Amino acid sequence: MDAEIIVWEEKYNLGIALVDTQHKELVNLISQLYRACCSGEDVEAAFKAALSRMVEYVHFHFGVEQQIMERIDYPGLKGHIKEHTTLIKNILEAAKDYSEGKRFVPHHLVRLLKDWILSHIAVSDRQYASFIAEHGKNIWH
């Protein structure tokens, strides 16, 4: 298997430097999670450490996005927050399943994260980026 299940491509850029940088880090963390699943050594410890970093960063990133959307009075804020909450719930459920011994979880979770992140950036995040561009919104005020 390829050591990079997901690779950042320029087409994912939204044109908001702070958010694009954080999205790149999310992609990096998903790759770390994937490599942990494939490591021949202590897969459990590597996966738990990578998952912990992922959960922490997801919380941080989602907080940043939500602050931006609040500042610009983004009309889709509630729906966007619901998407974020659903992903966090899925991650936490997968972590619980893994801790209870369900070994299929790591690869399944990595694929779920990969698919979710890419589709979320392509659709939901692009919508608020377009709103910013169309309305001349300043995310820093």
N, C-alpha and C. Protein backbone atom coordinates (compact mmCIF):
# COMPACT_ATOMS: atom_id res chain seq x y z
N MET A 1 0.84 -1.19 0.00
CA MET A 1 0.00 0.00 0.00
C MET A 1 0.88 1.25 0.00
N ASP A 2 0.36 2.28 -0.62
CA ASP A 2 1.07 3.55 -0.67
C ASP A 2 1.09 4.17 0.73
N ALA A 3 2.20 4.78 1.08
CA ALA A 3 2.33 5.38 2.41
C ALA A 3 1.55 6.69 2.52
N GLU A 4 1.10 7.21 1.42
CA GLU A 4 0.30 8.44 1.42
C GLU A 4 -1.06 8.11 0.84
N ILE A 5 -2.06 8.00 1.68
CA ILE A 5 -3.42 7.71 1.21
C ILE A 5 -4.06 8.96 0.64
N ILE A 6 -3.52 10.10 1.04
CA ILE A 6 -4.08 11.38 0.60
C ILE A 6 -2.91 12.35 0.42
N VAL A 7 -2.96 13.11 -0.65
CA VAL A 7 -1.90 14.07 -0.94
C VAL A 7 -2.58 15.41 -1.26
N TRP A 8 -2.06 16.47 -0.67
CA TRP A 8 -2.61 17.80 -0.91
C TRP A 8 -2.40 18.20 -2.36
N GLU A 9 -3.43 18.74 -2.96
CA GLU A 9 -3.34 19.27 -4.31
C GLU A 9 -3.80 20.72 -4.29
N GLU A 10 -3.23 21.51 -5.15
CA GLU A 10 -3.54 22.94 -5.19
C GLU A 10 -5.04 23.20 -5.41
N LYS A 11 -5.72 22.29 -6.08
CA LYS A 11 -7.15 22.48 -6.35
C LYS A 11 -7.98 22.54 -5.06
N TYR A 12 -7.41 22.08 -3.94
CA TYR A 12 -8.12 22.12 -2.66
C TYR A 12 -8.02 23.49 -1.99
N ASN A 13 -7.10 24.35 -2.46
CA ASN A 13 -6.94 25.67 -1.86
C ASN A 13 -8.22 26.48 -1.99
N LEU A 14 -8.58 27.17 -0.90
CA LEU A 14 -9.75 28.03 -0.90
C LEU A 14 -9.39 29.49 -1.14
N GLY A 15 -8.09 29.80 -1.03
CA GLY A 15 -7.67 31.18 -1.18
C GLY A 15 -7.68 31.95 0.14
N ILE A 16 -7.85 31.23 1.24
CA ILE A 16 -7.77 31.80 2.57
C ILE A 16 -6.55 31.14 3.21
N ALA A 17 -5.44 31.86 3.26
CA ALA A 17 -4.16 31.26 3.64
C ALA A 17 -4.22 30.48 4.95
N LEU A 18 -4.81 31.06 5.97
CA LEU A 18 -4.88 30.39 7.27
C LEU A 18 -5.61 29.05 7.17
N VAL A 19 -6.73 29.04 6.50
CA VAL A 19 -7.54 27.82 6.37
C VAL A 19 -6.83 26.81 5.47
N ASP A 20 -6.24 27.28 4.38
CA ASP A 20 -5.52 26.36 3.49
C ASP A 20 -4.37 25.68 4.21
N THR A 21 -3.64 26.43 5.03
CA THR A 21 -2.54 25.86 5.81
C THR A 21 -3.06 24.79 6.77
N GLN A 22 -4.17 25.07 7.41
CA GLN A 22 -4.75 24.10 8.34
C GLN A 22 -5.28 22.87 7.61
N HIS A 23 -5.86 23.06 6.45
CA HIS A 23 -6.32 21.91 5.67
C HIS A 23 -5.15 21.02 5.26
N LYS A 24 -4.04 21.65 4.89
CA LYS A 24 -2.84 20.88 4.54
C LYS A 24 -2.38 20.05 5.73
N GLU A 25 -2.46 20.63 6.92
CA GLU A 25 -2.07 19.89 8.12
C GLU A 25 -3.02 18.73 8.38
N LEU A 26 -4.32 18.93 8.13
CA LEU A 26 -5.28 17.83 8.29
C LEU A 26 -4.94 16.68 7.33
N VAL A 27 -4.58 17.02 6.11
CA VAL A 27 -4.18 16.01 5.13
C VAL A 27 -2.94 15.27 5.63
N ASN A 28 -1.99 16.02 6.16
CA ASN A 28 -0.78 15.42 6.72
C ASN A 28 -1.12 14.47 7.88
N LEU A 29 -2.03 14.89 8.74
CA LEU A 29 -2.41 14.05 9.89
C LEU A 29 -3.13 12.78 9.44
N ILE A 30 -3.93 12.88 8.39
CA ILE A 30 -4.59 11.67 7.87
C ILE A 30 -3.53 10.72 7.33
N SER A 31 -2.51 11.24 6.66
CA SER A 31 -1.42 10.39 6.18
C SER A 31 -0.68 9.74 7.34
N GLN A 32 -0.46 10.51 8.42
CA GLN A 32 0.20 9.94 9.60
C GLN A 32 -0.64 8.82 10.19
N LEU A 33 -1.94 9.02 10.24
CA LEU A 33 -2.85 8.00 10.76
C LEU A 33 -2.76 6.74 9.89
N TYR A 34 -2.73 6.94 8.59
CA TYR A 34 -2.64 5.82 7.66
C TYR A 34 -1.32 5.07 7.83
N ARG A 35 -0.21 5.83 7.94
CA ARG A 35 1.09 5.17 8.13
C ARG A 35 1.11 4.40 9.44
N ALA A 36 0.44 4.92 10.47
CA ALA A 36 0.36 4.21 11.75
C ALA A 36 -0.36 2.88 11.58
N CYS A 37 -1.39 2.87 10.74
CA CYS A 37 -2.14 1.63 10.48
C CYS A 37 -1.27 0.59 9.77
N CYS A 38 -0.35 1.07 8.96
CA CYS A 38 0.46 0.17 8.14
C CYS A 38 1.81 -0.17 8.76
N SER A 39 2.14 0.47 9.87
CA SER A 39 3.45 0.22 10.47
C SER A 39 3.52 -1.21 10.97
N GLY A 40 4.64 -1.81 10.80
CA GLY A 40 4.81 -3.19 11.21
C GLY A 40 5.11 -3.35 12.69
N GLU A 41 5.34 -2.25 13.36
CA GLU A 41 5.73 -2.33 14.76
C GLU A 41 4.50 -2.25 15.66
N ASP A 42 4.51 -1.41 16.64
CA ASP A 42 3.40 -1.31 17.57
C ASP A 42 2.29 -0.47 16.96
N VAL A 43 1.46 -1.12 16.15
CA VAL A 43 0.40 -0.43 15.43
C VAL A 43 -0.56 0.26 16.40
N GLU A 44 -0.89 -0.41 17.46
CA GLU A 44 -1.86 0.15 18.41
C GLU A 44 -1.37 1.47 19.01
N ALA A 45 -0.15 1.50 19.48
CA ALA A 45 0.39 2.72 20.08
C ALA A 45 0.52 3.83 19.04
N ALA A 46 0.99 3.48 17.85
CA ALA A 46 1.15 4.48 16.79
C ALA A 46 -0.19 5.04 16.37
N PHE A 47 -1.19 4.15 16.24
CA PHE A 47 -2.52 4.60 15.83
C PHE A 47 -3.14 5.50 16.90
N LYS A 48 -3.04 5.09 18.17
CA LYS A 48 -3.61 5.91 19.25
C LYS A 48 -2.97 7.29 19.30
N ALA A 49 -1.67 7.36 19.14
CA ALA A 49 -0.97 8.65 19.18
C ALA A 49 -1.39 9.52 17.99
N ALA A 50 -1.47 8.93 16.81
CA ALA A 50 -1.87 9.68 15.62
C ALA A 50 -3.32 10.13 15.72
N LEU A 51 -4.17 9.27 16.26
CA LEU A 51 -5.58 9.62 16.42
C LEU A 51 -5.74 10.76 17.42
N SER A 52 -4.98 10.72 18.48
CA SER A 52 -5.02 11.79 19.47
C SER A 52 -4.64 13.13 18.85
N ARG A 53 -3.57 13.14 18.05
CA ARG A 53 -3.15 14.37 17.37
C ARG A 53 -4.24 14.85 16.42
N MET A 54 -4.87 13.90 15.73
CA MET A 54 -5.92 14.24 14.77
C MET A 54 -7.11 14.88 15.48
N VAL A 55 -7.57 14.28 16.56
CA VAL A 55 -8.72 14.80 17.29
C VAL A 55 -8.43 16.22 17.79
N GLU A 56 -7.27 16.40 18.36
CA GLU A 56 -6.87 17.72 18.88
C GLU A 56 -6.85 18.77 17.77
N TYR A 57 -6.28 18.41 16.64
CA TYR A 57 -6.16 19.38 15.55
C TYR A 57 -7.52 19.66 14.91
N VAL A 58 -8.35 18.65 14.78
CA VAL A 58 -9.68 18.84 14.21
C VAL A 58 -10.48 19.83 15.06
N HIS A 59 -10.43 19.65 16.38
CA HIS A 59 -11.12 20.60 17.27
C HIS A 59 -10.60 22.02 17.06
N PHE A 60 -9.29 22.17 17.00
CA PHE A 60 -8.67 23.48 16.80
C PHE A 60 -9.12 24.10 15.47
N HIS A 61 -8.98 23.33 14.39
CA HIS A 61 -9.31 23.83 13.05
C HIS A 61 -10.78 24.20 12.94
N PHE A 62 -11.66 23.34 13.44
CA PHE A 62 -13.09 23.63 13.35
C PHE A 62 -13.42 24.90 14.13
N GLY A 63 -12.76 25.12 15.24
CA GLY A 63 -12.97 26.34 16.01
C GLY A 63 -12.60 27.58 15.20
N VAL A 64 -11.48 27.50 14.49
CA VAL A 64 -11.02 28.61 13.65
C VAL A 64 -12.04 28.89 12.55
N GLU A 65 -12.47 27.83 11.86
CA GLU A 65 -13.45 28.01 10.79
C GLU A 65 -14.74 28.62 11.32
N GLN A 66 -15.20 28.14 12.44
CA GLN A 66 -16.45 28.65 13.00
C GLN A 66 -16.32 30.13 13.39
N GLN A 67 -15.17 30.53 13.92
CA GLN A 67 -14.94 31.94 14.23
C GLN A 67 -14.99 32.80 12.97
N ILE A 68 -14.38 32.30 11.91
CA ILE A 68 -14.40 33.04 10.64
C ILE A 68 -15.84 33.21 10.17
N MET A 69 -16.61 32.14 10.18
CA MET A 69 -17.98 32.20 9.69
C MET A 69 -18.85 33.11 10.56
N GLU A 70 -18.59 33.13 11.86
CA GLU A 70 -19.33 34.05 12.74
C GLU A 70 -18.99 35.50 12.40
N ARG A 71 -17.71 35.78 12.16
CA ARG A 71 -17.27 37.14 11.85
C ARG A 71 -17.88 37.69 10.57
N ILE A 72 -18.11 36.80 9.60
CA ILE A 72 -18.64 37.24 8.31
C ILE A 72 -20.15 37.09 8.23
N ASP A 73 -20.78 36.70 9.33
CA ASP A 73 -22.23 36.46 9.34
C ASP A 73 -22.64 35.48 8.25
N TYR A 74 -21.92 34.39 8.17
CA TYR A 74 -22.19 33.39 7.14
C TYR A 74 -23.53 32.72 7.39
N PRO A 75 -24.44 32.77 6.42
CA PRO A 75 -25.78 32.21 6.63
C PRO A 75 -25.80 30.68 6.79
N GLY A 76 -24.78 29.99 6.33
CA GLY A 76 -24.74 28.53 6.43
C GLY A 76 -24.02 28.02 7.66
N LEU A 77 -23.79 28.90 8.65
CA LEU A 77 -23.01 28.55 9.83
C LEU A 77 -23.56 27.33 10.57
N LYS A 78 -24.85 27.32 10.85
CA LYS A 78 -25.43 26.22 11.65
C LYS A 78 -25.25 24.87 10.95
N GLY A 79 -25.48 24.82 9.66
CA GLY A 79 -25.30 23.57 8.92
C GLY A 79 -23.85 23.12 8.90
N HIS A 80 -22.96 24.09 8.79
CA HIS A 80 -21.53 23.79 8.77
C HIS A 80 -21.09 23.23 10.12
N ILE A 81 -21.56 23.85 11.19
CA ILE A 81 -21.23 23.35 12.53
C ILE A 81 -21.76 21.93 12.70
N LYS A 82 -22.95 21.66 12.18
CA LYS A 82 -23.52 20.31 12.28
C LYS A 82 -22.63 19.29 11.58
N GLU A 83 -22.08 19.66 10.42
CA GLU A 83 -21.15 18.76 9.71
C GLU A 83 -19.91 18.50 10.56
N HIS A 84 -19.37 19.54 11.16
CA HIS A 84 -18.20 19.40 12.02
C HIS A 84 -18.51 18.49 13.20
N THR A 85 -19.64 18.71 13.83
CA THR A 85 -20.03 17.91 15.00
C THR A 85 -20.18 16.45 14.63
N THR A 86 -20.76 16.18 13.48
CA THR A 86 -20.94 14.79 13.03
C THR A 86 -19.61 14.10 12.82
N LEU A 87 -18.65 14.80 12.21
CA LEU A 87 -17.34 14.18 12.01
C LEU A 87 -16.67 13.89 13.35
N ILE A 88 -16.70 14.84 14.26
CA ILE A 88 -16.07 14.62 15.57
C ILE A 88 -16.72 13.43 16.27
N LYS A 89 -18.04 13.33 16.19
CA LYS A 89 -18.75 12.20 16.79
C LYS A 89 -18.28 10.88 16.17
N ASN A 90 -18.15 10.86 14.86
CA ASN A 90 -17.69 9.65 14.16
C ASN A 90 -16.28 9.26 14.56
N ILE A 91 -15.41 10.25 14.70
CA ILE A 91 -14.02 9.98 15.12
C ILE A 91 -14.01 9.39 16.52
N LEU A 92 -14.76 10.01 17.43
CA LEU A 92 -14.79 9.53 18.81
C LEU A 92 -15.39 8.14 18.92
N GLU A 93 -16.42 7.86 18.12
CA GLU A 93 -17.01 6.51 18.11
C GLU A 93 -16.00 5.49 17.59
N ALA A 94 -15.27 5.86 16.56
CA ALA A 94 -14.26 4.95 16.01
C ALA A 94 -13.15 4.70 17.03
N ALA A 95 -12.75 5.74 17.74
CA ALA A 95 -11.72 5.58 18.77
C ALA A 95 -12.21 4.64 19.86
N LYS A 96 -13.47 4.76 20.24
CA LYS A 96 -14.06 3.89 21.25
C LYS A 96 -14.09 2.45 20.74
N ASP A 97 -14.54 2.27 19.50
CA ASP A 97 -14.57 0.93 18.91
C ASP A 97 -13.18 0.30 18.91
N TYR A 98 -12.19 1.11 18.55
CA TYR A 98 -10.82 0.60 18.50
C TYR A 98 -10.34 0.19 19.89
N SER A 99 -10.66 1.02 20.87
CA SER A 99 -10.22 0.71 22.23
C SER A 99 -10.92 -0.54 22.77
N GLU A 100 -12.07 -0.86 22.19
CA GLU A 100 -12.80 -2.07 22.60
C GLU A 100 -12.38 -3.30 21.79
N GLY A 101 -11.35 -3.13 20.97
CA GLY A 101 -10.78 -4.29 20.29
C GLY A 101 -11.26 -4.54 18.88
N LYS A 102 -12.00 -3.64 18.30
CA LYS A 102 -12.46 -3.83 16.92
C LYS A 102 -11.34 -3.41 15.98
N ARG A 103 -10.65 -4.37 15.44
CA ARG A 103 -9.43 -4.12 14.67
C ARG A 103 -9.66 -3.54 13.27
N PHE A 104 -10.87 -3.64 12.76
CA PHE A 104 -11.13 -3.10 11.42
C PHE A 104 -11.16 -1.58 11.42
N VAL A 105 -11.25 -0.98 12.56
CA VAL A 105 -11.49 0.45 12.69
C VAL A 105 -10.40 1.32 12.05
N PRO A 106 -9.11 1.08 12.26
CA PRO A 106 -8.11 2.03 11.76
C PRO A 106 -8.22 2.34 10.27
N HIS A 107 -8.22 1.32 9.42
CA HIS A 107 -8.29 1.58 7.98
C HIS A 107 -9.62 2.22 7.60
N HIS A 108 -10.70 1.76 8.22
CA HIS A 108 -12.02 2.32 7.95
C HIS A 108 -12.05 3.81 8.32
N LEU A 109 -11.51 4.13 9.48
CA LEU A 109 -11.50 5.52 9.94
C LEU A 109 -10.66 6.40 9.03
N VAL A 110 -9.51 5.92 8.61
CA VAL A 110 -8.65 6.71 7.73
C VAL A 110 -9.36 7.02 6.42
N ARG A 111 -10.03 6.03 5.87
CA ARG A 111 -10.76 6.25 4.61
C ARG A 111 -11.94 7.21 4.81
N LEU A 112 -12.63 7.07 5.93
CA LEU A 112 -13.73 7.97 6.25
C LEU A 112 -13.21 9.40 6.35
N LEU A 113 -12.11 9.60 7.07
CA LEU A 113 -11.54 10.94 7.22
C LEU A 113 -11.11 11.51 5.87
N LYS A 114 -10.44 10.70 5.08
CA LYS A 114 -9.98 11.14 3.77
C LYS A 114 -11.17 11.61 2.92
N ASP A 115 -12.18 10.76 2.82
CA ASP A 115 -13.34 11.08 1.98
C ASP A 115 -14.07 12.30 2.53
N TRP A 116 -14.23 12.37 3.86
CA TRP A 116 -14.96 13.47 4.46
C TRP A 116 -14.21 14.78 4.25
N ILE A 117 -12.93 14.80 4.56
CA ILE A 117 -12.15 16.03 4.45
C ILE A 117 -12.18 16.57 3.03
N LEU A 118 -11.92 15.70 2.06
CA LEU A 118 -11.86 16.18 0.68
C LEU A 118 -13.23 16.68 0.20
N SER A 119 -14.29 15.97 0.53
CA SER A 119 -15.60 16.42 0.09
C SER A 119 -16.03 17.67 0.86
N HIS A 120 -15.69 17.75 2.14
CA HIS A 120 -16.04 18.92 2.94
C HIS A 120 -15.32 20.17 2.42
N ILE A 121 -14.05 20.04 2.09
CA ILE A 121 -13.30 21.18 1.53
C ILE A 121 -13.91 21.57 0.18
N ALA A 122 -14.17 20.57 -0.66
CA ALA A 122 -14.65 20.83 -2.01
C ALA A 122 -16.04 21.47 -2.05
N VAL A 123 -16.88 21.14 -1.08
CA VAL A 123 -18.26 21.64 -1.12
C VAL A 123 -18.50 22.68 -0.03
N SER A 124 -18.55 22.25 1.21
CA SER A 124 -18.95 23.15 2.30
C SER A 124 -17.98 24.29 2.53
N ASP A 125 -16.69 23.99 2.60
CA ASP A 125 -15.71 25.05 2.83
C ASP A 125 -15.64 26.00 1.64
N ARG A 126 -15.77 25.45 0.44
CA ARG A 126 -15.73 26.29 -0.75
C ARG A 126 -16.93 27.25 -0.75
N GLN A 127 -18.05 26.84 -0.18
CA GLN A 127 -19.23 27.71 -0.13
C GLN A 127 -18.97 28.94 0.73
N TYR A 128 -18.36 28.75 1.90
CA TYR A 128 -18.13 29.94 2.71
C TYR A 128 -16.99 30.78 2.14
N ALA A 129 -16.03 30.15 1.47
CA ALA A 129 -14.96 30.91 0.81
C ALA A 129 -15.56 31.76 -0.32
N SER A 130 -16.51 31.20 -1.05
CA SER A 130 -17.19 31.94 -2.12
C SER A 130 -18.00 33.09 -1.54
N PHE A 131 -18.65 32.84 -0.42
CA PHE A 131 -19.43 33.89 0.26
C PHE A 131 -18.51 35.05 0.63
N ILE A 132 -17.34 34.73 1.15
CA ILE A 132 -16.36 35.77 1.51
C ILE A 132 -15.98 36.58 0.27
N ALA A 133 -15.67 35.87 -0.81
CA ALA A 133 -15.24 36.54 -2.04
C ALA A 133 -16.37 37.37 -2.65
N GLU A 134 -17.57 36.80 -2.71
CA GLU A 134 -18.71 37.49 -3.34
C GLU A 134 -19.14 38.73 -2.58
N HIS A 135 -19.04 38.68 -1.28
CA HIS A 135 -19.53 39.79 -0.45
C HIS A 135 -18.42 40.71 0.05
N GLY A 136 -17.21 40.47 -0.40
CA GLY A 136 -16.09 41.31 0.01
C GLY A 136 -15.89 41.32 1.51
N LYS A 137 -16.14 40.17 2.13
CA LYS A 137 -16.03 40.08 3.59
C LYS A 137 -14.57 40.04 4.02
N ASN A 138 -14.31 40.62 5.18
CA ASN A 138 -12.97 40.58 5.77
C ASN A 138 -13.04 39.64 6.96
N ILE A 139 -12.30 38.55 6.91
CA ILE A 139 -12.37 37.55 7.99
C ILE A 139 -11.66 37.99 9.26
N TRP A 140 -10.96 39.10 9.22
CA TRP A 140 -10.17 39.54 10.37
C TRP A 140 -10.89 40.58 11.22
N HIS A 141 -12.09 40.99 10.81
CA HIS A 141 -12.84 41.98 11.60
C HIS A 141 -14.14 41.41 12.07
